[in-house]
């Protein structure tokens, strides 16, 4: 018999630590709603540890006042408007300098979205490198992003593991001026690398670095303007089997290179889990009759087309598919 005086078990009767843990499983909208239920839930829901996912938009120095809000004390991500946006108030060198000084003072910041459109060469070099080295994601896709000296210093920090950069996106003529070996050492020393452009020698050096040394690289995207045609198929096969996820383009990869990748998947100790070859339309136009691809829209149709027409050894492809998720796409992914 349960006494009528027995206290009912509700969430509000739980210790603060338990309620905080429960709130930690809520989606952002749910957490916001929970803070409106009562004063107790509001006080618990304001815990900064529950709001690290929040992204604070900064368009002027006044916006840093948002970070004085208690729940945003541990925020990790900032967002700035693109420099070409007419409403952007961070274009002037002095404003950019103040922005980086403010960011340096906030030790929790690990990501700044929108920074890739800014010319950062006016920012004092040691200050700039101090901030960029703390970011988990770095996009250097605009020629004016960094000076040659600044670029060399941030790449040196990545090579020496003094930077926390895990995801790196790079392109541009400034990048192409780096020595091939130096470029390869830095580019392969992150978890995720997306190459929009680099020169032929840098590409060769990158594959050589990955194939010959144990690197942390897990995901490699070379699906844009990265021509691999002149790289030895054995080096490509070895390098790409030391990465877990690979995105490449049918425009930049020879059939014999693709075949070598599959051979090493089947015969060697491969780390590869996913291989995506996209933008295959032109390859198919050159290889098959036009009507063959008129109705080809899905991955399985393309794989069957390649195998049934002996473009790729059917048994090799079948064995590789047991170990790796292989996707063949007519067009380029939207990313």
C-alpha atoms as a PDB file:
ATOM      1  CA  UNK A   1       0.000   0.000   0.000  1.00  0.00           C
ATOM      2  CA  UNK A   2       1.410   3.346  -1.001  1.00  0.00           C
ATOM      3  CA  UNK A   3       0.853   6.068   1.540  1.00  0.00           C
ATOM      4  CA  UNK A   4      -0.943   9.188   0.381  1.00  0.00           C
ATOM      5  CA  UNK A   5       1.908  11.142   1.970  1.00  0.00           C
ATOM      6  CA  UNK A   6       4.465   9.580  -0.345  1.00  0.00           C
ATOM      7  CA  UNK A   7       6.066  12.298  -2.451  1.00  0.00           C
ATOM      8  CA  UNK A   8       5.390  11.874  -6.175  1.00  0.00           C
ATOM      9  CA  UNK A   9       8.439  11.499  -8.390  1.00  0.00           C
ATOM     10  CA  UNK A  10       8.564  14.379 -10.881  1.00  0.00           C
ATOM     11  CA  UNK A  11      11.407  15.996 -12.756  1.00  0.00           C
ATOM     12  CA  UNK A  12      11.246  19.054 -10.519  1.00  0.00           C
ATOM     13  CA  UNK A  13      11.919  16.856  -7.474  1.00  0.00           C
ATOM     14  CA  UNK A  14      15.198  15.628  -8.942  1.00  0.00           C
ATOM     15  CA  UNK A  15      18.606  17.072  -7.964  1.00  0.00           C
ATOM     16  CA  UNK A  16      19.804  20.011 -10.037  1.00  0.00           C
ATOM     17  CA  UNK A  17      22.578  17.853 -11.490  1.00  0.00           C
ATOM     18  CA  UNK A  18      20.035  15.352 -12.861  1.00  0.00           C
ATOM     19  CA  UNK A  19      17.805  18.059 -14.358  1.00  0.00           C
ATOM     20  CA  UNK A  20      20.855  19.705 -15.960  1.00  0.00           C
ATOM     21  CA  UNK A  21      21.837  16.388 -17.509  1.00  0.00           C
ATOM     22  CA  UNK A  22      18.304  15.888 -18.868  1.00  0.00           C
ATOM     23  CA  UNK A  23      18.304  19.421 -20.302  1.00  0.00           C
ATOM     24  CA  UNK A  24      21.582  18.567 -22.009  1.00  0.00           C
ATOM     25  CA  UNK A  25      19.749  16.052 -24.218  1.00  0.00           C
ATOM     26  CA  UNK A  26      17.219  18.636 -25.431  1.00  0.00           C
ATOM     27  CA  UNK A  27      17.381  20.156 -28.911  1.00  0.00           C
ATOM     28  CA  UNK A  28      17.913  23.946 -28.937  1.00  0.00           C
ATOM     29  CA  UNK A  29      14.200  24.687 -29.380  1.00  0.00           C
ATOM     30  CA  UNK A  30      13.322  22.325 -26.522  1.00  0.00           C
ATOM     31  CA  UNK A  31      15.895  23.915 -24.213  1.00  0.00           C
ATOM     32  CA  UNK A  32      14.567  27.385 -24.981  1.00  0.00           C
ATOM     33  CA  UNK A  33      11.029  26.216 -24.215  1.00  0.00           C
ATOM     34  CA  UNK A  34      12.116  24.548 -20.958  1.00  0.00           C
ATOM     35  CA  UNK A  35      13.552  27.812 -19.621  1.00  0.00           C
ATOM     36  CA  UNK A  36      10.078  29.366 -19.939  1.00  0.00           C
ATOM     37  CA  UNK A  37       8.304  26.767 -17.763  1.00  0.00           C
ATOM     38  CA  UNK A  38       9.199  28.086 -14.321  1.00  0.00           C
ATOM     39  CA  UNK A  39      11.863  29.996 -12.414  1.00  0.00           C
ATOM     40  CA  UNK A  40      13.670  26.824 -11.321  1.00  0.00           C
ATOM     41  CA  UNK A  41      13.899  25.495 -14.871  1.00  0.00           C
ATOM     42  CA  UNK A  42      14.974  28.910 -16.133  1.00  0.00           C
ATOM     43  CA  UNK A  43      17.812  29.089 -13.604  1.00  0.00           C
ATOM     44  CA  UNK A  44      18.963  25.573 -14.439  1.00  0.00           C
ATOM     45  CA  UNK A  45      18.503  26.056 -18.194  1.00  0.00           C
ATOM     46  CA  UNK A  46      20.692  29.162 -18.163  1.00  0.00           C
ATOM     47  CA  UNK A  47      23.767  27.053 -17.332  1.00  0.00           C
ATOM     48  CA  UNK A  48      26.455  28.083 -19.902  1.00  0.00           C
ATOM     49  CA  UNK A  49      27.456  24.426 -20.377  1.00  0.00           C
ATOM     50  CA  UNK A  50      24.043  23.868 -22.024  1.00  0.00           C
ATOM     51  CA  UNK A  51      24.563  26.665 -24.576  1.00  0.00           C
ATOM     52  CA  UNK A  52      27.950  25.885 -26.097  1.00  0.00           C
ATOM     53  CA  UNK A  53      26.148  25.072 -29.393  1.00  0.00           C
ATOM     54  CA  UNK A  54      24.900  28.658 -29.774  1.00  0.00           C
ATOM     55  CA  UNK A  55      26.296  30.804 -32.612  1.00  0.00           C
ATOM     56  CA  UNK A  56      26.643  34.521 -31.860  1.00  0.00           C
ATOM     57  CA  UNK A  57      26.544  36.897 -34.842  1.00  0.00           C
ATOM     58  CA  UNK A  58      29.087  39.709 -34.587  1.00  0.00           C
ATOM     59  CA  UNK A  59      28.777  42.606 -37.009  1.00  0.00           C
ATOM     60  CA  UNK A  60      30.331  45.320 -34.854  1.00  0.00           C
ATOM     61  CA  UNK A  61      32.266  45.576 -31.602  1.00  0.00           C
ATOM     62  CA  UNK A  62      28.983  46.313 -29.807  1.00  0.00           C
ATOM     63  CA  UNK A  63      27.847  42.781 -30.595  1.00  0.00           C
ATOM     64  CA  UNK A  64      30.477  41.397 -28.237  1.00  0.00           C
ATOM     65  CA  UNK A  65      28.237  42.658 -25.427  1.00  0.00           C
ATOM     66  CA  UNK A  66      26.032  39.639 -26.205  1.00  0.00           C
ATOM     67  CA  UNK A  67      28.764  37.459 -24.733  1.00  0.00           C
ATOM     68  CA  UNK A  68      28.209  39.098 -21.335  1.00  0.00           C
ATOM     69  CA  UNK A  69      24.898  37.227 -21.166  1.00  0.00           C
ATOM     70  CA  UNK A  70      25.440  34.500 -18.582  1.00  0.00           C
ATOM     71  CA  UNK A  71      24.270  31.540 -20.681  1.00  0.00           C
ATOM     72  CA  UNK A  72      26.657  32.546 -23.497  1.00  0.00           C
ATOM     73  CA  UNK A  73      29.792  32.611 -21.334  1.00  0.00           C
ATOM     74  CA  UNK A  74      31.062  29.348 -22.867  1.00  0.00           C
ATOM     75  CA  UNK A  75      29.927  29.901 -26.448  1.00  0.00           C
ATOM     76  CA  UNK A  76      32.294  28.359 -29.014  1.00  0.00           C
ATOM     77  CA  UNK A  77      31.099  29.781 -32.350  1.00  0.00           C
ATOM     78  CA  UNK A  78      30.890  33.260 -33.832  1.00  0.00           C
ATOM     79  CA  UNK A  79      29.469  34.326 -37.170  1.00  0.00           C
ATOM     80  CA  UNK A  80      30.455  37.420 -39.132  1.00  0.00           C
ATOM     81  CA  UNK A  81      28.748  38.834 -42.195  1.00  0.00           C
ATOM     82  CA  UNK A  82      30.666  38.366 -45.469  1.00  0.00           C
ATOM     83  CA  UNK A  83      32.971  41.307 -46.114  1.00  0.00           C
ATOM     84  CA  UNK A  84      31.110  42.094 -49.353  1.00  0.00           C
ATOM     85  CA  UNK A  85      27.807  42.479 -47.492  1.00  0.00           C
ATOM     86  CA  UNK A  86      26.860  46.189 -47.444  1.00  0.00           C
ATOM     87  CA  UNK A  87      25.788  45.824 -43.808  1.00  0.00           C
ATOM     88  CA  UNK A  88      29.198  44.535 -42.737  1.00  0.00           C
ATOM     89  CA  UNK A  89      30.874  46.813 -40.174  1.00  0.00           C
ATOM     90  CA  UNK A  90      34.180  44.963 -39.860  1.00  0.00           C
ATOM     91  CA  UNK A  91      35.800  45.980 -43.145  1.00  0.00           C
ATOM     92  CA  UNK A  92      38.164  48.631 -41.869  1.00  0.00           C
ATOM     93  CA  UNK A  93      41.579  47.339 -40.706  1.00  0.00           C
ATOM     94  CA  UNK A  94      41.183  48.963 -37.290  1.00  0.00           C
ATOM     95  CA  UNK A  95      37.822  47.242 -36.791  1.00  0.00           C
ATOM     96  CA  UNK A  96      39.309  43.886 -37.769  1.00  0.00           C
ATOM     97  CA  UNK A  97      42.174  44.400 -35.337  1.00  0.00           C
ATOM     98  CA  UNK A  98      39.740  45.132 -32.491  1.00  0.00           C
ATOM     99  CA  UNK A  99      37.660  42.105 -33.489  1.00  0.00           C
ATOM    100  CA  UNK A 100      40.651  39.760 -33.215  1.00  0.00           C
ATOM    101  CA  UNK A 101      41.722  41.298 -29.902  1.00  0.00           C
ATOM    102  CA  UNK A 102      38.246  40.645 -28.535  1.00  0.00           C
ATOM    103  CA  UNK A 103      38.209  37.065 -29.836  1.00  0.00           C
ATOM    104  CA  UNK A 104      41.664  36.368 -28.375  1.00  0.00           C
ATOM    105  CA  UNK A 105      40.330  37.348 -24.947  1.00  0.00           C
ATOM    106  CA  UNK A 106      37.549  34.722 -25.182  1.00  0.00           C
ATOM    107  CA  UNK A 107      39.295  31.378 -24.730  1.00  0.00           C
ATOM    108  CA  UNK A 108      36.246  29.252 -25.637  1.00  0.00           C
ATOM    109  CA  UNK A 109      35.906  30.441 -29.275  1.00  0.00           C
ATOM    110  CA  UNK A 110      36.752  27.573 -31.654  1.00  0.00           C
ATOM    111  CA  UNK A 111      34.913  28.564 -34.832  1.00  0.00           C
ATOM    112  CA  UNK A 112      34.310  31.797 -36.783  1.00  0.00           C
ATOM    113  CA  UNK A 113      31.940  31.375 -39.734  1.00  0.00           C
ATOM    114  CA  UNK A 114      32.241  33.869 -42.604  1.00  0.00           C
ATOM    115  CA  UNK A 115      35.882  34.782 -42.016  1.00  0.00           C
ATOM    116  CA  UNK A 116      36.963  33.300 -45.372  1.00  0.00           C
ATOM    117  CA  UNK A 117      35.848  36.442 -47.269  1.00  0.00           C
ATOM    118  CA  UNK A 118      38.075  38.849 -45.315  1.00  0.00           C
ATOM    119  CA  UNK A 119      41.488  40.245 -46.125  1.00  0.00           C
ATOM    120  CA  UNK A 120      43.316  39.573 -42.870  1.00  0.00           C
ATOM    121  CA  UNK A 121      46.741  40.837 -43.898  1.00  0.00           C
ATOM    122  CA  UNK A 122      46.289  44.070 -41.938  1.00  0.00           C
ATOM    123  CA  UNK A 123      45.853  42.187 -38.648  1.00  0.00           C
ATOM    124  CA  UNK A 124      48.998  42.062 -36.517  1.00  0.00           C
ATOM    125  CA  UNK A 125      50.579  38.702 -37.336  1.00  0.00           C
ATOM    126  CA  UNK A 126      51.112  37.281 -33.839  1.00  0.00           C
ATOM    127  CA  UNK A 127      47.541  38.211 -32.859  1.00  0.00           C
ATOM    128  CA  UNK A 128      46.114  36.658 -36.016  1.00  0.00           C
ATOM    129  CA  UNK A 129      48.032  33.388 -35.636  1.00  0.00           C
ATOM    130  CA  UNK A 130      47.083  33.207 -31.957  1.00  0.00           C
ATOM    131  CA  UNK A 131      43.379  33.277 -32.875  1.00  0.00           C
ATOM    132  CA  UNK A 132      43.511  31.133 -36.029  1.00  0.00           C
ATOM    133  CA  UNK A 133      45.506  28.448 -34.241  1.00  0.00           C
ATOM    134  CA  UNK A 134      42.661  27.995 -31.765  1.00  0.00           C
ATOM    135  CA  UNK A 135      39.990  27.452 -34.402  1.00  0.00           C
ATOM    136  CA  UNK A 136      38.820  23.907 -35.145  1.00  0.00           C
ATOM    137  CA  UNK A 137      37.923  24.831 -38.746  1.00  0.00           C
ATOM    138  CA  UNK A 138      39.899  27.072 -41.084  1.00  0.00           C
ATOM    139  CA  UNK A 139      38.874  28.116 -44.614  1.00  0.00           C
ATOM    140  CA  UNK A 140      41.548  29.798 -46.732  1.00  0.00           C
ATOM    141  CA  UNK A 141      39.836  30.135 -50.088  1.00  0.00           C
ATOM    142  CA  UNK A 142      40.425  33.779 -50.978  1.00  0.00           C
ATOM    143  CA  UNK A 143      43.792  34.957 -52.329  1.00  0.00           C
ATOM    144  CA  UNK A 144      43.765  37.970 -50.030  1.00  0.00           C
ATOM    145  CA  UNK A 145      43.045  36.035 -46.827  1.00  0.00           C
ATOM    146  CA  UNK A 146      46.613  35.914 -45.564  1.00  0.00           C
ATOM    147  CA  UNK A 147      50.020  37.229 -46.497  1.00  0.00           C
ATOM    148  CA  UNK A 148      52.727  34.734 -47.442  1.00  0.00           C
ATOM    149  CA  UNK A 149      54.296  35.170 -43.993  1.00  0.00           C
ATOM    150  CA  UNK A 150      51.001  34.655 -42.167  1.00  0.00           C
ATOM    151  CA  UNK A 151      50.181  31.602 -44.262  1.00  0.00           C
ATOM    152  CA  UNK A 152      53.614  30.119 -43.588  1.00  0.00           C
ATOM    153  CA  UNK A 153      53.199  30.643 -39.827  1.00  0.00           C
ATOM    154  CA  UNK A 154      49.743  29.052 -39.583  1.00  0.00           C
ATOM    155  CA  UNK A 155      50.872  26.078 -41.689  1.00  0.00           C
ATOM    156  CA  UNK A 156      53.954  25.736 -39.468  1.00  0.00           C
ATOM    157  CA  UNK A 157      51.684  25.677 -36.409  1.00  0.00           C
ATOM    158  CA  UNK A 158      49.608  22.901 -38.024  1.00  0.00           C
ATOM    159  CA  UNK A 159      52.726  20.872 -38.876  1.00  0.00           C
ATOM    160  CA  UNK A 160      54.113  21.252 -35.344  1.00  0.00           C
ATOM    161  CA  UNK A 161      50.684  20.432 -33.847  1.00  0.00           C
ATOM    162  CA  UNK A 162      50.554  23.788 -32.096  1.00  0.00           C
ATOM    163  CA  UNK A 163      47.259  24.577 -33.836  1.00  0.00           C
ATOM    164  CA  UNK A 164      43.897  23.029 -33.010  1.00  0.00           C
ATOM    165  CA  UNK A 165      42.740  23.065 -36.648  1.00  0.00           C
ATOM    166  CA  UNK A 166      40.852  19.841 -37.453  1.00  0.00           C
ATOM    167  CA  UNK A 167      39.142  20.868 -40.713  1.00  0.00           C
ATOM    168  CA  UNK A 168      41.037  22.751 -43.412  1.00  0.00           C
ATOM    169  CA  UNK A 169      39.721  24.134 -46.720  1.00  0.00           C
ATOM    170  CA  UNK A 170      42.334  25.683 -49.007  1.00  0.00           C
ATOM    171  CA  UNK A 171      42.680  27.229 -52.461  1.00  0.00           C
ATOM    172  CA  UNK A 172      44.164  30.218 -54.239  1.00  0.00           C
ATOM    173  CA  UNK A 173      47.364  31.471 -55.797  1.00  0.00           C
ATOM    174  CA  UNK A 174      48.907  32.303 -52.417  1.00  0.00           C
ATOM    175  CA  UNK A 175      48.635  28.647 -51.436  1.00  0.00           C
ATOM    176  CA  UNK A 176      50.180  27.528 -54.733  1.00  0.00           C
ATOM    177  CA  UNK A 177      53.352  29.503 -53.938  1.00  0.00           C
ATOM    178  CA  UNK A 178      54.175  27.310 -50.943  1.00  0.00           C
ATOM    179  CA  UNK A 179      56.830  24.647 -51.433  1.00  0.00           C
ATOM    180  CA  UNK A 180      55.298  21.269 -52.259  1.00  0.00           C
ATOM    181  CA  UNK A 181      56.738  19.367 -49.287  1.00  0.00           C
ATOM    182  CA  UNK A 182      55.780  22.102 -46.807  1.00  0.00           C
ATOM    183  CA  UNK A 183      52.246  22.255 -48.221  1.00  0.00           C
ATOM    184  CA  UNK A 184      51.862  18.464 -48.052  1.00  0.00           C
ATOM    185  CA  UNK A 185      53.105  18.237 -44.459  1.00  0.00           C
ATOM    186  CA  UNK A 186      50.548  20.773 -43.263  1.00  0.00           C
ATOM    187  CA  UNK A 187      47.604  19.745 -45.457  1.00  0.00           C
ATOM    188  CA  UNK A 188      47.845  16.108 -44.352  1.00  0.00           C
ATOM    189  CA  UNK A 189      48.143  16.966 -40.647  1.00  0.00           C
ATOM    190  CA  UNK A 190      44.437  17.689 -40.070  1.00  0.00           C
ATOM    191  CA  UNK A 191      41.397  15.394 -39.734  1.00  0.00           C
ATOM    192  CA  UNK A 192      39.473  16.749 -42.734  1.00  0.00           C
ATOM    193  CA  UNK A 193      40.951  18.398 -45.829  1.00  0.00           C
ATOM    194  CA  UNK A 194      39.062  20.005 -48.699  1.00  0.00           C
ATOM    195  CA  UNK A 195      41.201  21.120 -51.633  1.00  0.00           C
ATOM    196  CA  UNK A 196      39.583  23.565 -54.021  1.00  0.00           C
ATOM    197  CA  UNK A 197      42.832  24.176 -55.857  1.00  0.00           C
ATOM    198  CA  UNK A 198      46.539  23.432 -55.618  1.00  0.00           C
ATOM    199  CA  UNK A 199      49.247  23.000 -58.220  1.00  0.00           C
ATOM    200  CA  UNK A 200      50.312  19.663 -59.706  1.00  0.00           C
ATOM    201  CA  UNK A 201      53.523  19.356 -57.680  1.00  0.00           C
ATOM    202  CA  UNK A 202      51.687  20.047 -54.430  1.00  0.00           C
ATOM    203  CA  UNK A 203      49.130  17.380 -55.288  1.00  0.00           C
ATOM    204  CA  UNK A 204      51.872  14.828 -55.987  1.00  0.00           C
ATOM    205  CA  UNK A 205      53.630  15.722 -52.731  1.00  0.00           C
ATOM    206  CA  UNK A 206      50.390  15.397 -50.769  1.00  0.00           C
ATOM    207  CA  UNK A 207      49.687  11.873 -52.031  1.00  0.00           C
ATOM    208  CA  UNK A 208      53.315  10.890 -51.427  1.00  0.00           C
ATOM    209  CA  UNK A 209      53.174  12.252 -47.871  1.00  0.00           C
ATOM    210  CA  UNK A 210      49.973  10.339 -47.086  1.00  0.00           C
ATOM    211  CA  UNK A 211      51.196   7.111 -48.674  1.00  0.00           C
ATOM    212  CA  UNK A 212      54.591   7.102 -46.947  1.00  0.00           C
ATOM    213  CA  UNK A 213      53.802   8.484 -43.478  1.00  0.00           C
ATOM    214  CA  UNK A 214      51.232   7.867 -40.781  1.00  0.00           C
ATOM    215  CA  UNK A 215      48.996  10.943 -40.873  1.00  0.00           C
ATOM    216  CA  UNK A 216      45.831  11.894 -38.939  1.00  0.00           C
ATOM    217  CA  UNK A 217      43.871  12.653 -42.136  1.00  0.00           C
ATOM    218  CA  UNK A 218      40.474  10.903 -42.139  1.00  0.00           C
ATOM    219  CA  UNK A 219      38.522  12.730 -44.843  1.00  0.00           C
ATOM    220  CA  UNK A 220      39.876  14.048 -48.154  1.00  0.00           C
ATOM    221  CA  UNK A 221      37.840  16.043 -50.678  1.00  0.00           C
ATOM    222  CA  UNK A 222      39.641  16.599 -53.995  1.00  0.00           C
ATOM    223  CA  UNK A 223      36.506  16.815 -56.115  1.00  0.00           C
ATOM    224  CA  UNK A 224      37.136  20.319 -57.434  1.00  0.00           C
ATOM    225  CA  UNK A 225      40.043  21.619 -59.544  1.00  0.00           C
ATOM    226  CA  UNK A 226      42.601  19.068 -58.425  1.00  0.00           C
ATOM    227  CA  UNK A 227      43.995  17.197 -61.402  1.00  0.00           C
ATOM    228  CA  UNK A 228      45.345  13.767 -60.416  1.00  0.00           C
ATOM    229  CA  UNK A 229      45.946  12.444 -63.938  1.00  0.00           C
ATOM    230  CA  UNK A 230      49.738  12.673 -63.765  1.00  0.00           C
ATOM    231  CA  UNK A 231      50.119  10.944 -60.407  1.00  0.00           C
ATOM    232  CA  UNK A 232      51.267   7.344 -60.334  1.00  0.00           C
ATOM    233  CA  UNK A 233      48.311   5.021 -59.813  1.00  0.00           C
ATOM    234  CA  UNK A 234      50.121   3.064 -57.103  1.00  0.00           C
ATOM    235  CA  UNK A 235      50.743   6.212 -55.049  1.00  0.00           C
ATOM    236  CA  UNK A 236      47.093   7.300 -55.413  1.00  0.00           C
ATOM    237  CA  UNK A 237      45.836   3.820 -54.550  1.00  0.00           C
ATOM    238  CA  UNK A 238      48.003   3.605 -51.441  1.00  0.00           C
ATOM    239  CA  UNK A 239      47.285   7.161 -50.256  1.00  0.00           C
ATOM    240  CA  UNK A 240      43.503   7.025 -50.627  1.00  0.00           C
ATOM    241  CA  UNK A 241      43.348   3.695 -48.815  1.00  0.00           C
ATOM    242  CA  UNK A 242      44.922   5.386 -45.795  1.00  0.00           C
ATOM    243  CA  UNK A 243      41.976   7.792 -45.526  1.00  0.00           C
ATOM    244  CA  UNK A 244      38.514   6.849 -44.246  1.00  0.00           C
ATOM    245  CA  UNK A 245      36.421   9.029 -46.587  1.00  0.00           C
ATOM    246  CA  UNK A 246      37.364  10.228 -50.085  1.00  0.00           C
ATOM    247  CA  UNK A 247      35.485  12.560 -52.426  1.00  0.00           C
ATOM    248  CA  UNK A 248      36.899  12.890 -55.909  1.00  0.00           C
ATOM    249  CA  UNK A 249      35.766  13.781 -59.427  1.00  0.00           C
ATOM    250  CA  UNK A 250      35.465  11.671 -62.550  1.00  0.00           C
ATOM    251  CA  UNK A 251      36.968  14.627 -64.403  1.00  0.00           C
ATOM    252  CA  UNK A 252      40.271  14.431 -62.500  1.00  0.00           C
ATOM    253  CA  UNK A 253      40.710  10.696 -61.934  1.00  0.00           C
ATOM    254  CA  UNK A 254      41.764   8.143 -64.546  1.00  0.00           C
ATOM    255  CA  UNK A 255      39.981   4.823 -64.758  1.00  0.00           C
ATOM    256  CA  UNK A 256      43.236   2.945 -64.055  1.00  0.00           C
ATOM    257  CA  UNK A 257      43.729   5.020 -60.905  1.00  0.00           C
ATOM    258  CA  UNK A 258      40.192   4.268 -59.730  1.00  0.00           C
ATOM    259  CA  UNK A 259      40.777   0.576 -60.429  1.00  0.00           C
ATOM    260  CA  UNK A 260      43.999   0.646 -58.400  1.00  0.00           C
ATOM    261  CA  UNK A 261      42.119   2.135 -55.463  1.00  0.00           C
ATOM    262  CA  UNK A 262      39.669  -0.798 -55.608  1.00  0.00           C
ATOM    263  CA  UNK A 263      42.498  -3.352 -55.915  1.00  0.00           C
ATOM    264  CA  UNK A 264      44.140  -2.013 -52.752  1.00  0.00           C
ATOM    265  CA  UNK A 265      40.773  -2.034 -50.952  1.00  0.00           C
ATOM    266  CA  UNK A 266      40.377  -5.734 -51.737  1.00  0.00           C
ATOM    267  CA  UNK A 267      43.979  -6.903 -51.381  1.00  0.00           C
ATOM    268  CA  UNK A 268      45.516  -4.609 -48.747  1.00  0.00           C
ATOM    269  CA  UNK A 269      44.887  -3.294 -45.241  1.00  0.00           C
ATOM    270  CA  UNK A 270      42.618  -0.397 -46.094  1.00  0.00           C
ATOM    271  CA  UNK A 271      41.160   2.275 -43.805  1.00  0.00           C
ATOM    272  CA  UNK A 272      38.801   3.408 -46.560  1.00  0.00           C
ATOM    273  CA  UNK A 273      35.113   3.276 -45.586  1.00  0.00           C
ATOM    274  CA  UNK A 274      33.495   5.574 -48.154  1.00  0.00           C
ATOM    275  CA  UNK A 275      34.488   6.480 -51.712  1.00  0.00           C
ATOM    276  CA  UNK A 276      32.467   9.035 -53.684  1.00  0.00           C
ATOM    277  CA  UNK A 277      33.316   9.687 -57.337  1.00  0.00           C
ATOM    278  CA  UNK A 278      31.151  12.493 -58.664  1.00  0.00           C
ATOM    279  CA  UNK A 279      30.744  14.570 -61.803  1.00  0.00           C
ATOM    280  CA  UNK A 280      30.903  11.471 -64.038  1.00  0.00           C
ATOM    281  CA  UNK A 281      28.671  12.842 -66.794  1.00  0.00           C
ATOM    282  CA  UNK A 282      31.475  13.771 -69.204  1.00  0.00           C
ATOM    283  CA  UNK A 283      33.247  10.481 -68.625  1.00  0.00           C
ATOM    284  CA  UNK A 284      30.071   8.582 -69.505  1.00  0.00           C
ATOM    285  CA  UNK A 285      29.487  10.730 -72.601  1.00  0.00           C
ATOM    286  CA  UNK A 286      32.980   9.833 -73.791  1.00  0.00           C
ATOM    287  CA  UNK A 287      32.646   6.140 -72.957  1.00  0.00           C
ATOM    288  CA  UNK A 288      29.075   5.132 -73.813  1.00  0.00           C
ATOM    289  CA  UNK A 289      26.326   5.909 -76.276  1.00  0.00           C
ATOM    290  CA  UNK A 290      24.341   9.022 -75.335  1.00  0.00           C
ATOM    291  CA  UNK A 291      21.150   7.065 -74.671  1.00  0.00           C
ATOM    292  CA  UNK A 292      22.903   4.923 -72.072  1.00  0.00           C
ATOM    293  CA  UNK A 293      22.887   7.668 -69.459  1.00  0.00           C
ATOM    294  CA  UNK A 294      19.633   9.398 -70.353  1.00  0.00           C
ATOM    295  CA  UNK A 295      17.815   7.548 -67.560  1.00  0.00           C
ATOM    296  CA  UNK A 296      20.757   6.937 -65.267  1.00  0.00           C
ATOM    297  CA  UNK A 297      20.022   8.791 -62.044  1.00  0.00           C
ATOM    298  CA  UNK A 298      20.978   6.644 -59.112  1.00  0.00           C
ATOM    299  CA  UNK A 299      24.169   5.161 -57.742  1.00  0.00           C
ATOM    300  CA  UNK A 300      23.233   1.503 -58.373  1.00  0.00           C
ATOM    301  CA  UNK A 301      22.457   2.227 -62.046  1.00  0.00           C
ATOM    302  CA  UNK A 302      25.907   3.754 -62.562  1.00  0.00           C
ATOM    303  CA  UNK A 303      27.690   0.896 -60.803  1.00  0.00           C
ATOM    304  CA  UNK A 304      25.757  -1.619 -62.930  1.00  0.00           C
ATOM    305  CA  UNK A 305      26.544   0.357 -66.086  1.00  0.00           C
ATOM    306  CA  UNK A 306      30.265   0.340 -65.343  1.00  0.00           C
ATOM    307  CA  UNK A 307      30.354  -3.333 -64.372  1.00  0.00           C
ATOM    308  CA  UNK A 308      28.148  -4.693 -67.152  1.00  0.00           C
ATOM    309  CA  UNK A 309      30.138  -2.902 -69.840  1.00  0.00           C
ATOM    310  CA  UNK A 310      33.481  -4.099 -68.460  1.00  0.00           C
ATOM    311  CA  UNK A 311      34.602  -0.560 -67.702  1.00  0.00           C
ATOM    312  CA  UNK A 312      35.451  -1.875 -64.250  1.00  0.00           C
ATOM    313  CA  UNK A 313      36.051  -5.526 -63.428  1.00  0.00           C
ATOM    314  CA  UNK A 314      32.715  -6.756 -62.089  1.00  0.00           C
ATOM    315  CA  UNK A 315      34.196  -9.136 -59.520  1.00  0.00           C
ATOM    316  CA  UNK A 316      36.686  -6.516 -58.293  1.00  0.00           C
ATOM    317  CA  UNK A 317      33.880  -4.012 -57.841  1.00  0.00           C
ATOM    318  CA  UNK A 318      31.712  -6.579 -56.033  1.00  0.00           C
ATOM    319  CA  UNK A 319      34.522  -7.460 -53.607  1.00  0.00           C
ATOM    320  CA  UNK A 320      35.342  -3.785 -52.979  1.00  0.00           C
ATOM    321  CA  UNK A 321      31.690  -2.999 -52.244  1.00  0.00           C
ATOM    322  CA  UNK A 322      31.744  -5.524 -49.398  1.00  0.00           C
ATOM    323  CA  UNK A 323      34.326  -3.375 -47.624  1.00  0.00           C
ATOM    324  CA  UNK A 324      33.629   0.177 -48.807  1.00  0.00           C
ATOM    325  CA  UNK A 325      30.539   2.284 -49.416  1.00  0.00           C
ATOM    326  CA  UNK A 326      31.054   3.290 -53.074  1.00  0.00           C
ATOM    327  CA  UNK A 327      28.996   6.086 -54.639  1.00  0.00           C
ATOM    328  CA  UNK A 328      29.162   7.057 -58.311  1.00  0.00           C
ATOM    329  CA  UNK A 329      27.398  10.332 -59.108  1.00  0.00           C
ATOM    330  CA  UNK A 330      26.565  11.915 -62.458  1.00  0.00           C
ATOM    331  CA  UNK A 331      26.841  15.447 -61.146  1.00  0.00           C
ATOM    332  CA  UNK A 332      28.714  17.317 -58.464  1.00  0.00           C
ATOM    333  CA  UNK A 333      27.356  17.324 -54.939  1.00  0.00           C
ATOM    334  CA  UNK A 334      25.899  20.551 -53.606  1.00  0.00           C
ATOM    335  CA  UNK A 335      27.981  21.379 -50.559  1.00  0.00           C
END
